[in-house]
Amino acid sequence: FGGILLPQASEQEAIRTINWALDLGVNFIDTARAYKDSETKIGKAVKGRRSQSILATKTVSREPKGALTDLETSPKELQTDLSIREMPKRADRVLRTG
């Protein structure tokens, strides 16, 4: 399930959609800090159903300080105290050699 369109949905609609996806057996939910309030909506939707979902989020920050801030903020927004692996978007640009 991708969270990129969640900012366009009302909170209630987003929560209903995420729960519908979980009910259908979808267990991987992907989002990013850049997707506005999608992490907040996802966090509210999976609260109480956290064991049924695998959450992934990304940072768009290219600087260590910004990435660290995202690593601290994302778990709070997603309402989870579990370890979250934050993936940089466009890692090829961040990690390119030379």
PDB file of N, CA and C in Angstrom:
ATOM      1  N   PHE A   1       0.855  -1.167   0.000  1.00  0.00           N
ATOM      2  CA  PHE A   1       0.000   0.000   0.000  1.00  0.00           C
ATOM      3  C   PHE A   1       0.897   1.225   0.000  1.00  0.00           C
ATOM      4  N   GLY A   2       0.643   2.178  -0.868  1.00  0.00           N
ATOM      5  CA  GLY A   2       1.453   3.388  -0.946  1.00  0.00           C
ATOM      6  C   GLY A   2       0.744   4.593  -0.359  1.00  0.00           C
ATOM      7  N   GLY A   3       1.470   5.381   0.402  1.00  0.00           N
ATOM      8  CA  GLY A   3       0.885   6.532   1.071  1.00  0.00           C
ATOM      9  C   GLY A   3       0.971   7.836   0.305  1.00  0.00           C
ATOM     10  N   ILE A   4       1.459   7.803  -0.930  1.00  0.00           N
ATOM     11  CA  ILE A   4       1.703   9.045  -1.663  1.00  0.00           C
ATOM     12  C   ILE A   4       0.427   9.860  -1.899  1.00  0.00           C
ATOM     13  N   LEU A   5      -0.717   9.216  -2.049  1.00  0.00           N
ATOM     14  CA  LEU A   5      -1.965   9.946  -2.311  1.00  0.00           C
ATOM     15  C   LEU A   5      -2.753  10.277  -1.042  1.00  0.00           C
ATOM     16  N   LEU A   6      -2.300   9.815   0.105  1.00  0.00           N
ATOM     17  CA  LEU A   6      -3.052  10.052   1.338  1.00  0.00           C
ATOM     18  C   LEU A   6      -3.234  11.530   1.695  1.00  0.00           C
ATOM     19  N   PRO A   7      -2.277  12.416   1.371  1.00  0.00           N
ATOM     20  CA  PRO A   7      -2.514  13.822   1.689  1.00  0.00           C
ATOM     21  C   PRO A   7      -3.764  14.398   1.017  1.00  0.00           C
ATOM     22  N   GLN A   8      -4.201  13.797  -0.088  1.00  0.00           N
ATOM     23  CA  GLN A   8      -5.394  14.282  -0.787  1.00  0.00           C
ATOM     24  C   GLN A   8      -6.686  13.785  -0.145  1.00  0.00           C
ATOM     25  N   ALA A   9      -6.585  12.789   0.715  1.00  0.00           N
ATOM     26  CA  ALA A   9      -7.766  12.207   1.361  1.00  0.00           C
ATOM     27  C   ALA A   9      -7.978  12.838   2.730  1.00  0.00           C
ATOM     28  N   SER A  10      -9.226  12.885   3.149  1.00  0.00           N
ATOM     29  CA  SER A  10      -9.495  13.325   4.516  1.00  0.00           C
ATOM     30  C   SER A  10      -8.914  12.285   5.465  1.00  0.00           C
ATOM     31  N   GLU A  11      -8.725  12.665   6.708  1.00  0.00           N
ATOM     32  CA  GLU A  11      -8.190  11.721   7.687  1.00  0.00           C
ATOM     33  C   GLU A  11      -9.090  10.487   7.802  1.00  0.00           C
ATOM     34  N   GLN A  12     -10.383  10.715   7.889  1.00  0.00           N
ATOM     35  CA  GLN A  12     -11.333   9.611   8.027  1.00  0.00           C
ATOM     36  C   GLN A  12     -11.286   8.685   6.805  1.00  0.00           C
ATOM     37  N   GLU A  13     -11.239   9.270   5.622  1.00  0.00           N
ATOM     38  CA  GLU A  13     -11.184   8.478   4.392  1.00  0.00           C
ATOM     39  C   GLU A  13      -9.879   7.682   4.303  1.00  0.00           C
ATOM     40  N   ALA A  14      -8.773   8.302   4.687  1.00  0.00           N
ATOM     41  CA  ALA A  14      -7.475   7.624   4.660  1.00  0.00           C
ATOM     42  C   ALA A  14      -7.460   6.443   5.627  1.00  0.00           C
ATOM     43  N   ILE A  15      -7.951   6.657   6.833  1.00  0.00           N
ATOM     44  CA  ILE A  15      -7.985   5.587   7.835  1.00  0.00           C
ATOM     45  C   ILE A  15      -8.869   4.441   7.358  1.00  0.00           C
ATOM     46  N   ARG A  16     -10.002   4.772   6.799  1.00  0.00           N
ATOM     47  CA  ARG A  16     -10.919   3.746   6.285  1.00  0.00           C
ATOM     48  C   ARG A  16     -10.251   2.948   5.151  1.00  0.00           C
ATOM     49  N   THR A  17      -9.555   3.626   4.263  1.00  0.00           N
ATOM     50  CA  THR A  17      -8.891   2.968   3.133  1.00  0.00           C
ATOM     51  C   THR A  17      -7.761   2.055   3.606  1.00  0.00           C
ATOM     52  N   ILE A  18      -6.963   2.536   4.535  1.00  0.00           N
ATOM     53  CA  ILE A  18      -5.859   1.727   5.058  1.00  0.00           C
ATOM     54  C   ILE A  18      -6.398   0.495   5.776  1.00  0.00           C
ATOM     55  N   ASN A  19      -7.434   0.666   6.578  1.00  0.00           N
ATOM     56  CA  ASN A  19      -8.023  -0.482   7.269  1.00  0.00           C
ATOM     57  C   ASN A  19      -8.628  -1.475   6.286  1.00  0.00           C
ATOM     58  N   TRP A  20      -9.215  -0.981   5.221  1.00  0.00           N
ATOM     59  CA  TRP A  20      -9.760  -1.845   4.172  1.00  0.00           C
ATOM     60  C   TRP A  20      -8.634  -2.674   3.555  1.00  0.00           C
ATOM     61  N   ALA A  21      -7.497  -2.014   3.262  1.00  0.00           N
ATOM     62  CA  ALA A  21      -6.346  -2.729   2.696  1.00  0.00           C
ATOM     63  C   ALA A  21      -5.843  -3.800   3.665  1.00  0.00           C
ATOM     64  N   LEU A  22      -5.744  -3.457   4.949  1.00  0.00           N
ATOM     65  CA  LEU A  22      -5.319  -4.441   5.948  1.00  0.00           C
ATOM     66  C   LEU A  22      -6.303  -5.603   6.027  1.00  0.00           C
ATOM     67  N   ASP A  23      -7.588  -5.290   5.964  1.00  0.00           N
ATOM     68  CA  ASP A  23      -8.619  -6.342   5.996  1.00  0.00           C
ATOM     69  C   ASP A  23      -8.478  -7.300   4.811  1.00  0.00           C
ATOM     70  N   LEU A  24      -8.007  -6.777   3.681  1.00  0.00           N
ATOM     71  CA  LEU A  24      -7.824  -7.598   2.481  1.00  0.00           C
ATOM     72  C   LEU A  24      -6.513  -8.387   2.496  1.00  0.00           C
ATOM     73  N   GLY A  25      -5.703  -8.157   3.516  1.00  0.00           N
ATOM     74  CA  GLY A  25      -4.452  -8.898   3.640  1.00  0.00           C
ATOM     75  C   GLY A  25      -3.205  -8.141   3.240  1.00  0.00           C
ATOM     76  N   VAL A  26      -3.358  -6.889   2.818  1.00  0.00           N
ATOM     77  CA  VAL A  26      -2.184  -6.069   2.513  1.00  0.00           C
ATOM     78  C   VAL A  26      -1.472  -5.811   3.835  1.00  0.00           C
ATOM     79  N   ASN A  27      -0.165  -6.054   3.879  1.00  0.00           N
ATOM     80  CA  ASN A  27       0.533  -5.844   5.147  1.00  0.00           C
ATOM     81  C   ASN A  27       1.747  -4.927   5.025  1.00  0.00           C
ATOM     82  N   PHE A  28       2.102  -4.498   3.821  1.00  0.00           N
ATOM     83  CA  PHE A  28       3.236  -3.599   3.632  1.00  0.00           C
ATOM     84  C   PHE A  28       2.710  -2.216   3.280  1.00  0.00           C
ATOM     85  N   ILE A  29       3.080  -1.235   4.092  1.00  0.00           N
ATOM     86  CA  ILE A  29       2.629   0.143   3.875  1.00  0.00           C
ATOM     87  C   ILE A  29       3.863   1.022   3.714  1.00  0.00           C
ATOM     88  N   ASP A  30       3.942   1.693   2.581  1.00  0.00           N
ATOM     89  CA  ASP A  30       5.083   2.531   2.238  1.00  0.00           C
ATOM     90  C   ASP A  30       4.654   3.994   2.225  1.00  0.00           C
ATOM     91  N   THR A  31       5.493   4.846   2.793  1.00  0.00           N
ATOM     92  CA  THR A  31       5.216   6.276   2.811  1.00  0.00           C
ATOM     93  C   THR A  31       6.537   7.030   2.769  1.00  0.00           C
ATOM     94  N   ALA A  32       6.488   8.329   2.959  1.00  0.00           N
ATOM     95  CA  ALA A  32       7.696   9.155   3.000  1.00  0.00           C
ATOM     96  C   ALA A  32       7.380  10.435   3.755  1.00  0.00           C
ATOM     97  N   ARG A  33       8.408  11.022   4.342  1.00  0.00           N
ATOM     98  CA  ARG A  33       8.240  12.296   5.041  1.00  0.00           C
ATOM     99  C   ARG A  33       7.705  13.348   4.067  1.00  0.00           C
ATOM    100  N   ALA A  34       8.053  13.243   2.800  1.00  0.00           N
ATOM    101  CA  ALA A  34       7.631  14.238   1.808  1.00  0.00           C
ATOM    102  C   ALA A  34       6.153  14.140   1.456  1.00  0.00           C
ATOM    103  N   TYR A  35       5.490  13.079   1.871  1.00  0.00           N
ATOM    104  CA  TYR A  35       4.076  12.898   1.541  1.00  0.00           C
ATOM    105  C   TYR A  35       3.187  13.582   2.580  1.00  0.00           C
ATOM    106  N   LYS A  36       3.562  14.764   2.949  1.00  0.00           N
ATOM    107  CA  LYS A  36       2.819  15.624   3.877  1.00  0.00           C
ATOM    108  C   LYS A  36       2.346  14.872   5.116  1.00  0.00           C
ATOM    109  N   ASP A  37       1.041  14.722   5.303  1.00  0.00           N
ATOM    110  CA  ASP A  37       0.518  14.123   6.541  1.00  0.00           C
ATOM    111  C   ASP A  37       0.247  12.620   6.430  1.00  0.00           C
ATOM    112  N   SER A  38       0.826  11.973   5.432  1.00  0.00           N
ATOM    113  CA  SER A  38       0.531  10.542   5.241  1.00  0.00           C
ATOM    114  C   SER A  38       1.008   9.696   6.418  1.00  0.00           C
ATOM    115  N   GLU A  39       2.163  10.027   7.005  1.00  0.00           N
ATOM    116  CA  GLU A  39       2.640   9.253   8.155  1.00  0.00           C
ATOM    117  C   GLU A  39       1.668   9.363   9.327  1.00  0.00           C
ATOM    118  N   THR A  40       1.146  10.542   9.553  1.00  0.00           N
ATOM    119  CA  THR A  40       0.187  10.740  10.642  1.00  0.00           C
ATOM    120  C   THR A  40      -1.070   9.914  10.406  1.00  0.00           C
ATOM    121  N   LYS A  41      -1.589   9.956   9.195  1.00  0.00           N
ATOM    122  CA  LYS A  41      -2.801   9.192   8.867  1.00  0.00           C
ATOM    123  C   LYS A  41      -2.551   7.688   8.968  1.00  0.00           C
ATOM    124  N   ILE A  42      -1.415   7.239   8.489  1.00  0.00           N
ATOM    125  CA  ILE A  42      -1.073   5.819   8.579  1.00  0.00           C
ATOM    126  C   ILE A  42      -0.941   5.404  10.039  1.00  0.00           C
ATOM    127  N   GLY A  43      -0.272   6.225  10.833  1.00  0.00           N
ATOM    128  CA  GLY A  43      -0.115   5.916  12.255  1.00  0.00           C
ATOM    129  C   GLY A  43      -1.444   5.747  12.960  1.00  0.00           C
ATOM    130  N   LYS A  44      -2.381   6.632  12.665  1.00  0.00           N
ATOM    131  CA  LYS A  44      -3.709   6.530  13.276  1.00  0.00           C
ATOM    132  C   LYS A  44      -4.448   5.285  12.791  1.00  0.00           C
ATOM    133  N   ALA A  45      -4.263   4.947  11.529  1.00  0.00           N
ATOM    134  CA  ALA A  45      -4.975   3.797  10.959  1.00  0.00           C
ATOM    135  C   ALA A  45      -4.465   2.470  11.507  1.00  0.00           C
ATOM    136  N   VAL A  46      -3.160   2.338  11.677  1.00  0.00           N
ATOM    137  CA  VAL A  46      -2.611   1.045  12.102  1.00  0.00           C
ATOM    138  C   VAL A  46      -2.524   0.906  13.619  1.00  0.00           C
ATOM    139  N   LYS A  47      -2.854   1.967  14.333  1.00  0.00           N
ATOM    140  CA  LYS A  47      -2.848   1.886  15.796  1.00  0.00           C
ATOM    141  C   LYS A  47      -3.801   0.763  16.216  1.00  0.00           C
ATOM    142  N   GLY A  48      -3.316  -0.147  16.999  1.00  0.00           N
ATOM    143  CA  GLY A  48      -4.118  -1.291  17.399  1.00  0.00           C
ATOM    144  C   GLY A  48      -4.025  -2.452  16.424  1.00  0.00           C
ATOM    145  N   ARG A  49      -3.427  -2.200  15.261  1.00  0.00           N
ATOM    146  CA  ARG A  49      -3.258  -3.251  14.247  1.00  0.00           C
ATOM    147  C   ARG A  49      -1.797  -3.327  13.804  1.00  0.00           C
ATOM    148  N   ARG A  50      -0.930  -2.780  14.630  1.00  0.00           N
ATOM    149  CA  ARG A  50       0.485  -2.670  14.256  1.00  0.00           C
ATOM    150  C   ARG A  50       1.104  -4.021  13.911  1.00  0.00           C
ATOM    151  N   SER A  51       0.698  -5.082  14.603  1.00  0.00           N
ATOM    152  CA  SER A  51       1.284  -6.402  14.344  1.00  0.00           C
ATOM    153  C   SER A  51       0.889  -6.942  12.970  1.00  0.00           C
ATOM    154  N   GLN A  52      -0.086  -6.332  12.339  1.00  0.00           N
ATOM    155  CA  GLN A  52      -0.544  -6.765  11.021  1.00  0.00           C
ATOM    156  C   GLN A  52       0.147  -6.027   9.884  1.00  0.00           C
ATOM    157  N   SER A  53       1.042  -5.110  10.205  1.00  0.00           N
ATOM    158  CA  SER A  53       1.594  -4.269   9.148  1.00  0.00           C
ATOM    159  C   SER A  53       3.105  -4.114   9.249  1.00  0.00           C
ATOM    160  N   ILE A  54       3.711  -3.984   8.095  1.00  0.00           N
ATOM    161  CA  ILE A  54       5.122  -3.640   7.972  1.00  0.00           C
ATOM    162  C   ILE A  54       5.143  -2.225   7.411  1.00  0.00           C
ATOM    163  N   LEU A  55       5.776  -1.320   8.135  1.00  0.00           N
ATOM    164  CA  LEU A  55       5.803   0.081   7.725  1.00  0.00           C
ATOM    165  C   LEU A  55       7.174   0.436   7.165  1.00  0.00           C
ATOM    166  N   ALA A  56       7.173   1.159   6.071  1.00  0.00           N
ATOM    167  CA  ALA A  56       8.415   1.664   5.481  1.00  0.00           C
ATOM    168  C   ALA A  56       8.218   3.136   5.176  1.00  0.00           C
ATOM    169  N   THR A  57       9.238   3.921   5.456  1.00  0.00           N
ATOM    170  CA  THR A  57       9.174   5.341   5.145  1.00  0.00           C
ATOM    171  C   THR A  57      10.512   5.773   4.569  1.00  0.00           C
ATOM    172  N   LYS A  58      10.511   6.943   3.965  1.00  0.00           N
ATOM    173  CA  LYS A  58      11.711   7.433   3.303  1.00  0.00           C
ATOM    174  C   LYS A  58      11.978   8.875   3.720  1.00  0.00           C
ATOM    175  N   THR A  59      13.231   9.253   3.588  1.00  0.00           N
ATOM    176  CA  THR A  59      13.609  10.641   3.790  1.00  0.00           C
ATOM    177  C   THR A  59      14.050  11.218   2.454  1.00  0.00           C
ATOM    178  N   VAL A  60      13.787  12.482   2.238  1.00  0.00           N
ATOM    179  CA  VAL A  60      14.285  13.146   1.037  1.00  0.00           C
ATOM    180  C   VAL A  60      15.502  14.000   1.367  1.00  0.00           C
ATOM    181  N   SER A  61      15.883  14.007   2.633  1.00  0.00           N
ATOM    182  CA  SER A  61      17.019  14.803   3.061  1.00  0.00           C
ATOM    183  C   SER A  61      18.315  14.235   2.495  1.00  0.00           C
ATOM    184  N   ARG A  62      19.189  15.121   2.078  1.00  0.00           N
ATOM    185  CA  ARG A  62      20.496  14.721   1.563  1.00  0.00           C
ATOM    186  C   ARG A  62      21.602  15.046   2.566  1.00  0.00           C
ATOM    187  N   GLU A  63      21.217  15.553   3.702  1.00  0.00           N
ATOM    188  CA  GLU A  63      22.170  15.923   4.736  1.00  0.00           C
ATOM    189  C   GLU A  63      21.948  15.058   5.967  1.00  0.00           C
ATOM    190  N   PRO A  64      23.020  14.681   6.666  1.00  0.00           N
ATOM    191  CA  PRO A  64      22.871  13.837   7.853  1.00  0.00           C
ATOM    192  C   PRO A  64      21.918  14.410   8.902  1.00  0.00           C
ATOM    193  N   LYS A  65      21.991  15.716   9.151  1.00  0.00           N
ATOM    194  CA  LYS A  65      21.132  16.322  10.171  1.00  0.00           C
ATOM    195  C   LYS A  65      19.654  16.179   9.803  1.00  0.00           C
ATOM    196  N   GLY A  66      19.317  16.432   8.555  1.00  0.00           N
ATOM    197  CA  GLY A  66      17.931  16.305   8.113  1.00  0.00           C
ATOM    198  C   GLY A  66      17.445  14.872   8.156  1.00  0.00           C
ATOM    199  N   ALA A  67      18.313  13.947   7.749  1.00  0.00           N
ATOM    200  CA  ALA A  67      17.943  12.526   7.792  1.00  0.00           C
ATOM    201  C   ALA A  67      17.729  12.080   9.230  1.00  0.00           C
ATOM    202  N   LEU A  68      18.575  12.546  10.148  1.00  0.00           N
ATOM    203  CA  LEU A  68      18.420  12.200  11.559  1.00  0.00           C
ATOM    204  C   LEU A  68      17.104  12.742  12.109  1.00  0.00           C
ATOM    205  N   THR A  69      16.765  13.959  11.745  1.00  0.00           N
ATOM    206  CA  THR A  69      15.485  14.534  12.166  1.00  0.00           C
ATOM    207  C   THR A  69      14.330  13.677  11.664  1.00  0.00           C
ATOM    208  N   ASP A  70      14.401  13.252  10.417  1.00  0.00           N
ATOM    209  CA  ASP A  70      13.358  12.382   9.869  1.00  0.00           C
ATOM    210  C   ASP A  70      13.299  11.056  10.617  1.00  0.00           C
ATOM    211  N   LEU A  71      14.460  10.500  10.950  1.00  0.00           N
ATOM    212  CA  LEU A  71      14.497   9.234  11.690  1.00  0.00           C
ATOM    213  C   LEU A  71      13.872   9.364  13.075  1.00  0.00           C
ATOM    214  N   GLU A  72      13.951  10.554  13.651  1.00  0.00           N
ATOM    215  CA  GLU A  72      13.341  10.795  14.961  1.00  0.00           C
ATOM    216  C   GLU A  72      11.852  11.105  14.834  1.00  0.00           C
ATOM    217  N   THR A  73      11.458  11.766  13.766  1.00  0.00           N
ATOM    218  CA  THR A  73      10.074  12.203  13.587  1.00  0.00           C
ATOM    219  C   THR A  73       9.165  11.092  13.078  1.00  0.00           C
ATOM    220  N   SER A  74       9.636  10.311  12.129  1.00  0.00           N
ATOM    221  CA  SER A  74       8.785   9.285  11.506  1.00  0.00           C
ATOM    222  C   SER A  74       8.154   8.317  12.502  1.00  0.00           C
ATOM    223  N   PRO A  75       8.903   7.736  13.446  1.00  0.00           N
ATOM    224  CA  PRO A  75       8.254   6.821  14.394  1.00  0.00           C
ATOM    225  C   PRO A  75       7.161   7.494  15.222  1.00  0.00           C
ATOM    226  N   LYS A  76       7.342   8.759  15.548  1.00  0.00           N
ATOM    227  CA  LYS A  76       6.314   9.488  16.305  1.00  0.00           C
ATOM    228  C   LYS A  76       5.055   9.656  15.466  1.00  0.00           C
ATOM    229  N   GLU A  77       5.220  10.055  14.219  1.00  0.00           N
ATOM    230  CA  GLU A  77       4.071  10.254  13.336  1.00  0.00           C
ATOM    231  C   GLU A  77       3.367   8.932  13.037  1.00  0.00           C
ATOM    232  N   LEU A  78       4.153   7.869  12.888  1.00  0.00           N
ATOM    233  CA  LEU A  78       3.590   6.551  12.601  1.00  0.00           C
ATOM    234  C   LEU A  78       3.089   5.848  13.869  1.00  0.00           C
ATOM    235  N   GLN A  79       3.256   6.504  15.005  1.00  0.00           N
ATOM    236  CA  GLN A  79       2.802   5.993  16.307  1.00  0.00           C
ATOM    237  C   GLN A  79       3.352   4.601  16.591  1.00  0.00           C
ATOM    238  N   THR A  80       4.642   4.458  16.376  1.00  0.00           N
ATOM    239  CA  THR A  80       5.280   3.179  16.651  1.00  0.00           C
ATOM    240  C   THR A  80       6.598   3.409  17.368  1.00  0.00           C
ATOM    241  N   ASP A  81       6.916   2.505  18.257  1.00  0.00           N
ATOM    242  CA  ASP A  81       8.208   2.585  18.930  1.00  0.00           C
ATOM    243  C   ASP A  81       9.157   1.531  18.372  1.00  0.00           C
ATOM    244  N   LEU A  82       8.716   0.873  17.322  1.00  0.00           N
ATOM    245  CA  LEU A  82       9.557  -0.141  16.706  1.00  0.00           C
ATOM    246  C   LEU A  82      10.579   0.513  15.798  1.00  0.00           C
ATOM    247  N   SER A  83      11.650  -0.193  15.568  1.00  0.00           N
ATOM    248  CA  SER A  83      12.695   0.299  14.688  1.00  0.00           C
ATOM    249  C   SER A  83      12.160   0.444  13.267  1.00  0.00           C
ATOM    250  N   ILE A  84      12.423   1.566  12.686  1.00  0.00           N
ATOM    251  CA  ILE A  84      11.990   1.825  11.319  1.00  0.00           C
ATOM    252  C   ILE A  84      13.236   2.068  10.481  1.00  0.00           C
ATOM    253  N   ARG A  85      13.314   1.405   9.371  1.00  0.00           N
ATOM    254  CA  ARG A  85      14.422   1.631   8.458  1.00  0.00           C
ATOM    255  C   ARG A  85      13.995   2.713   7.482  1.00  0.00           C
ATOM    256  N   GLU A  86      14.680   3.809   7.515  1.00  0.00           N
ATOM    257  CA  GLU A  86      14.343   4.950   6.659  1.00  0.00           C
ATOM    258  C   GLU A  86      15.213   4.877   5.411  1.00  0.00           C
ATOM    259  N   MET A  87      14.589   4.891   4.252  1.00  0.00           N
ATOM    260  CA  MET A  87      15.303   4.756   2.989  1.00  0.00           C
ATOM    261  C   MET A  87      15.366   6.111   2.290  1.00  0.00           C
ATOM    262  N   PRO A  88      16.555   6.511   1.835  1.00  0.00           N
ATOM    263  CA  PRO A  88      16.601   7.766   1.083  1.00  0.00           C
ATOM    264  C   PRO A  88      15.934   7.596  -0.275  1.00  0.00           C
ATOM    265  N   LYS A  89      15.144   8.586  -0.668  1.00  0.00           N
ATOM    266  CA  LYS A  89      14.593   8.571  -2.027  1.00  0.00           C
ATOM    267  C   LYS A  89      15.737   8.925  -2.976  1.00  0.00           C
ATOM    268  N   ARG A  90      15.735   8.281  -4.100  1.00  0.00           N
ATOM    269  CA  ARG A  90      16.780   8.485  -5.116  1.00  0.00           C
ATOM    270  C   ARG A  90      18.164   8.208  -4.525  1.00  0.00           C
ATOM    271  N   ALA A  91      18.284   7.054  -3.891  1.00  0.00           N
ATOM    272  CA  ALA A  91      19.554   6.655  -3.280  1.00  0.00           C
ATOM    273  C   ALA A  91      20.689   6.665  -4.295  1.00  0.00           C
ATOM    274  N   ASP A  92      20.372   6.443  -5.563  1.00  0.00           N
ATOM    275  CA  ASP A  92      21.406   6.450  -6.595  1.00  0.00           C
ATOM    276  C   ASP A  92      22.126   7.796  -6.645  1.00  0.00           C
ATOM    277  N   ARG A  93      21.392   8.871  -6.407  1.00  0.00           N
ATOM    278  CA  ARG A  93      22.015  10.206  -6.419  1.00  0.00           C
ATOM    279  C   ARG A  93      22.851  10.437  -5.167  1.00  0.00           C
ATOM    280  N   VAL A  94      22.374   9.914  -4.047  1.00  0.00           N
ATOM    281  CA  VAL A  94      23.075  10.104  -2.782  1.00  0.00           C
ATOM    282  C   VAL A  94      24.341   9.259  -2.745  1.00  0.00           C
ATOM    283  N   LEU A  95      24.270   8.053  -3.284  1.00  0.00           N
ATOM    284  CA  LEU A  95      25.352   7.094  -3.147  1.00  0.00           C
ATOM    285  C   LEU A  95      26.253   6.982  -4.374  1.00  0.00           C
ATOM    286  N   ARG A  96      26.023   7.777  -5.391  1.00  0.00           N
ATOM    287  CA  ARG A  96      26.809   7.618  -6.623  1.00  0.00           C
ATOM    288  C   ARG A  96      28.301   7.825  -6.342  1.00  0.00           C
ATOM    289  N   THR A  97      29.113   7.101  -7.060  1.00  0.00           N
ATOM    290  CA  THR A  97      30.561   7.167  -6.857  1.00  0.00           C
ATOM    291  C   THR A  97      31.136   8.378  -7.569  1.00  0.00           C
ATOM    292  N   GLY A  98      32.313   8.795  -7.073  1.00  0.00           N
ATOM    293  CA  GLY A  98      32.997   9.881  -7.745  1.00  0.00           C
ATOM    294  C   GLY A  98      33.002  11.150  -7.027  1.00  0.00           C
TER     295      GLY A  98
END
